[in-house]
Amino acid sequence: MYYFPIDPPYFLLLAGLLAGVTSGIAFEATLKQFIKNCSQNRSTLNLAKTQNTQLLIPFLGISAGVCIFLSSGLQIFGFPPFLAYTISLPLTVLIGWLIWYQLGVLFAQLERGGSRALDLDSFS
């Protein structure tokens, strides 16, 4: 038995894409502002702690947009809604957690060694 969507969720596909992109722009602006403030003040702020408070909301917006976009895309290609969300939700949570963890590692390197710790050209 095949599942043929009568009304594919094209609106949700575009809404998820728009939510992800706008949250990504907000995440970029917040990250740039935070790094600029830390480089000017050079205070003893814990970057990992600040990562959780300032960047979490835009990052969750990106993740929600990606999840909706992915599940809508799967539904357009014939997956039932339950199966589409069953696939896209764990995949989005896993990838989001890996990116958030890597961001924490980068902040730890930045806190220990400053911006020179992230300069990849200095290794050659």
C-alpha atoms as a PDB file:
ATOM      1  CA  MET A   1       0.000   0.000   0.000  1.00  0.00           C
ATOM      2  CA  TYR A   2       1.375   3.346  -1.012  1.00  0.00           C
ATOM      3  CA  TYR A   3       0.847   6.698   0.651  1.00  0.00           C
ATOM      4  CA  PHE A   4      -0.030   9.504  -1.736  1.00  0.00           C
ATOM      5  CA  PRO A   5      -0.383  12.887  -0.031  1.00  0.00           C
ATOM      6  CA  ILE A   6      -3.484  14.666  -1.256  1.00  0.00           C
ATOM      7  CA  ASP A   7      -2.184  18.052  -0.183  1.00  0.00           C
ATOM      8  CA  PRO A   8       1.631  18.048   0.154  1.00  0.00           C
ATOM      9  CA  PRO A   9       2.949  20.457   2.803  1.00  0.00           C
ATOM     10  CA  TYR A  10       4.613  22.959   0.492  1.00  0.00           C
ATOM     11  CA  PHE A  11       3.752  25.794   2.878  1.00  0.00           C
ATOM     12  CA  LEU A  12       5.479  23.993   5.780  1.00  0.00           C
ATOM     13  CA  LEU A  13       8.491  23.360   3.570  1.00  0.00           C
ATOM     14  CA  LEU A  14       8.863  27.068   2.837  1.00  0.00           C
ATOM     15  CA  ALA A  15       8.024  28.067   6.434  1.00  0.00           C
ATOM     16  CA  GLY A  16      10.685  25.695   7.802  1.00  0.00           C
ATOM     17  CA  LEU A  17      13.239  27.040   5.345  1.00  0.00           C
ATOM     18  CA  LEU A  18      12.356  30.629   6.234  1.00  0.00           C
ATOM     19  CA  ALA A  19      12.496  29.904   9.984  1.00  0.00           C
ATOM     20  CA  GLY A  20      15.885  28.231   9.647  1.00  0.00           C
ATOM     21  CA  VAL A  21      17.367  31.020   7.548  1.00  0.00           C
ATOM     22  CA  THR A  22      16.075  33.874   9.713  1.00  0.00           C
ATOM     23  CA  SER A  23      17.187  32.119  12.893  1.00  0.00           C
ATOM     24  CA  GLY A  24      20.573  31.542  11.276  1.00  0.00           C
ATOM     25  CA  ILE A  25      20.899  35.251  10.556  1.00  0.00           C
ATOM     26  CA  ALA A  26      20.010  36.026  14.176  1.00  0.00           C
ATOM     27  CA  PHE A  27      22.506  33.393  15.376  1.00  0.00           C
ATOM     28  CA  GLU A  28      25.248  34.901  13.220  1.00  0.00           C
ATOM     29  CA  ALA A  29      24.581  38.432  14.489  1.00  0.00           C
ATOM     30  CA  THR A  30      24.506  37.280  18.117  1.00  0.00           C
ATOM     31  CA  LEU A  31      27.715  35.297  17.706  1.00  0.00           C
ATOM     32  CA  LYS A  32      29.546  38.185  16.023  1.00  0.00           C
ATOM     33  CA  GLN A  33      28.423  40.622  18.709  1.00  0.00           C
ATOM     34  CA  PHE A  34      29.436  38.238  21.481  1.00  0.00           C
ATOM     35  CA  ILE A  35      32.908  37.599  20.029  1.00  0.00           C
ATOM     36  CA  LYS A  36      33.390  41.330  19.464  1.00  0.00           C
ATOM     37  CA  ASN A  37      32.479  42.108  23.075  1.00  0.00           C
ATOM     38  CA  CYS A  38      34.761  39.374  24.419  1.00  0.00           C
ATOM     39  CA  SER A  39      37.716  40.510  22.311  1.00  0.00           C
ATOM     40  CA  GLN A  40      37.306  44.132  23.412  1.00  0.00           C
ATOM     41  CA  ASN A  41      36.721  43.528  27.121  1.00  0.00           C
ATOM     42  CA  ARG A  42      38.962  40.492  27.590  1.00  0.00           C
ATOM     43  CA  SER A  43      37.091  39.776  30.775  1.00  0.00           C
ATOM     44  CA  THR A  44      37.022  36.434  32.503  1.00  0.00           C
ATOM     45  CA  LEU A  45      33.616  35.494  31.181  1.00  0.00           C
ATOM     46  CA  ASN A  46      33.096  31.807  30.867  1.00  0.00           C
ATOM     47  CA  LEU A  47      32.417  31.330  27.174  1.00  0.00           C
ATOM     48  CA  ALA A  48      30.716  27.973  27.646  1.00  0.00           C
ATOM     49  CA  LYS A  49      28.268  29.472  30.149  1.00  0.00           C
ATOM     50  CA  THR A  50      27.480  32.409  27.893  1.00  0.00           C
ATOM     51  CA  GLN A  51      27.035  30.030  24.973  1.00  0.00           C
ATOM     52  CA  ASN A  52      24.078  28.479  26.751  1.00  0.00           C
ATOM     53  CA  THR A  53      22.319  31.748  27.511  1.00  0.00           C
ATOM     54  CA  GLN A  54      22.786  33.986  24.476  1.00  0.00           C
ATOM     55  CA  LEU A  55      22.981  31.605  21.557  1.00  0.00           C
ATOM     56  CA  LEU A  56      20.492  28.908  22.541  1.00  0.00           C
ATOM     57  CA  ILE A  57      17.287  30.575  21.326  1.00  0.00           C
ATOM     58  CA  PRO A  58      18.473  31.274  17.748  1.00  0.00           C
ATOM     59  CA  PHE A  59      20.064  27.825  17.617  1.00  0.00           C
ATOM     60  CA  LEU A  60      16.790  26.182  18.646  1.00  0.00           C
ATOM     61  CA  GLY A  61      15.064  28.222  15.938  1.00  0.00           C
ATOM     62  CA  ILE A  62      17.505  26.891  13.366  1.00  0.00           C
ATOM     63  CA  SER A  63      16.951  23.343  14.594  1.00  0.00           C
ATOM     64  CA  ALA A  64      13.155  23.662  14.537  1.00  0.00           C
ATOM     65  CA  GLY A  65      13.246  25.113  11.029  1.00  0.00           C
ATOM     66  CA  VAL A  66      15.479  22.312   9.806  1.00  0.00           C
ATOM     67  CA  CYS A  67      13.239  19.677  11.398  1.00  0.00           C
ATOM     68  CA  ILE A  68      10.097  21.109   9.782  1.00  0.00           C
ATOM     69  CA  PHE A  69      11.857  21.519   6.446  1.00  0.00           C
ATOM     70  CA  LEU A  70      13.180  17.964   6.489  1.00  0.00           C
ATOM     71  CA  SER A  71       9.903  16.367   7.540  1.00  0.00           C
ATOM     72  CA  SER A  72       7.951  18.383   4.957  1.00  0.00           C
ATOM     73  CA  GLY A  73      10.384  17.342   2.259  1.00  0.00           C
ATOM     74  CA  LEU A  74       9.952  13.714   3.214  1.00  0.00           C
ATOM     75  CA  GLN A  75       6.177  14.111   3.142  1.00  0.00           C
ATOM     76  CA  ILE A  76       6.330  15.639  -0.330  1.00  0.00           C
ATOM     77  CA  PHE A  77       8.227  12.566  -1.518  1.00  0.00           C
ATOM     78  CA  GLY A  78       5.513  10.265  -0.205  1.00  0.00           C
ATOM     79  CA  PHE A  79       6.342   9.518   3.428  1.00  0.00           C
ATOM     80  CA  PRO A  80       3.401   9.586   5.856  1.00  0.00           C
ATOM     81  CA  PRO A  81       3.581  12.450   8.387  1.00  0.00           C
ATOM     82  CA  PHE A  82       4.250  10.195  11.391  1.00  0.00           C
ATOM     83  CA  LEU A  83       7.150   8.451   9.655  1.00  0.00           C
ATOM     84  CA  ALA A  84       8.533  11.742   8.314  1.00  0.00           C
ATOM     85  CA  TYR A  85       8.653  13.275  11.800  1.00  0.00           C
ATOM     86  CA  THR A  86       9.967  10.002  13.260  1.00  0.00           C
ATOM     87  CA  ILE A  87      12.921  10.249  10.888  1.00  0.00           C
ATOM     88  CA  SER A  88      13.529  13.995  10.953  1.00  0.00           C
ATOM     89  CA  LEU A  89      13.223  14.676  14.687  1.00  0.00           C
ATOM     90  CA  PRO A  90      15.967  12.289  15.924  1.00  0.00           C
ATOM     91  CA  LEU A  91      18.173  13.239  12.988  1.00  0.00           C
ATOM     92  CA  THR A  92      17.792  16.952  13.756  1.00  0.00           C
ATOM     93  CA  VAL A  93      18.372  16.450  17.481  1.00  0.00           C
ATOM     94  CA  LEU A  94      21.518  14.390  16.853  1.00  0.00           C
ATOM     95  CA  ILE A  95      23.009  16.798  14.333  1.00  0.00           C
ATOM     96  CA  GLY A  96      22.037  19.804  16.467  1.00  0.00           C
ATOM     97  CA  TRP A  97      23.674  18.286  19.538  1.00  0.00           C
ATOM     98  CA  LEU A  98      26.867  17.537  17.585  1.00  0.00           C
ATOM     99  CA  ILE A  99      27.044  21.105  16.275  1.00  0.00           C
ATOM    100  CA  TRP A 100      26.331  22.554  19.750  1.00  0.00           C
ATOM    101  CA  TYR A 101      29.072  20.335  21.234  1.00  0.00           C
ATOM    102  CA  GLN A 102      31.560  21.445  18.564  1.00  0.00           C
ATOM    103  CA  LEU A 103      30.689  25.072  19.234  1.00  0.00           C
ATOM    104  CA  GLY A 104      31.468  24.477  22.921  1.00  0.00           C
ATOM    105  CA  VAL A 105      34.845  22.969  21.970  1.00  0.00           C
ATOM    106  CA  LEU A 106      35.613  26.008  19.804  1.00  0.00           C
ATOM    107  CA  PHE A 107      34.673  28.353  22.645  1.00  0.00           C
ATOM    108  CA  ALA A 108      36.933  26.417  25.013  1.00  0.00           C
ATOM    109  CA  GLN A 109      39.838  26.743  22.549  1.00  0.00           C
ATOM    110  CA  LEU A 110      39.106  30.432  22.147  1.00  0.00           C
ATOM    111  CA  GLU A 111      39.037  30.917  25.907  1.00  0.00           C
ATOM    112  CA  ARG A 112      42.345  29.104  26.422  1.00  0.00           C
ATOM    113  CA  GLY A 113      44.378  30.487  23.556  1.00  0.00           C
ATOM    114  CA  GLY A 114      42.576  33.521  22.209  1.00  0.00           C
ATOM    115  CA  SER A 115      41.938  33.964  18.515  1.00  0.00           C
ATOM    116  CA  ARG A 116      45.356  32.521  17.637  1.00  0.00           C
ATOM    117  CA  ALA A 117      44.083  29.125  18.843  1.00  0.00           C
ATOM    118  CA  LEU A 118      41.640  29.103  15.934  1.00  0.00           C
ATOM    119  CA  ASP A 119      44.088  30.294  13.266  1.00  0.00           C
ATOM    120  CA  LEU A 120      44.552  27.262  11.029  1.00  0.00           C
ATOM    121  CA  ASP A 121      47.117  28.976   8.786  1.00  0.00           C
ATOM    122  CA  SER A 122      49.642  29.176  11.629  1.00  0.00           C
ATOM    123  CA  PHE A 123      50.184  25.391  11.574  1.00  0.00           C
ATOM    124  CA  SER A 124      51.998  25.396   8.241  1.00  0.00           C
END
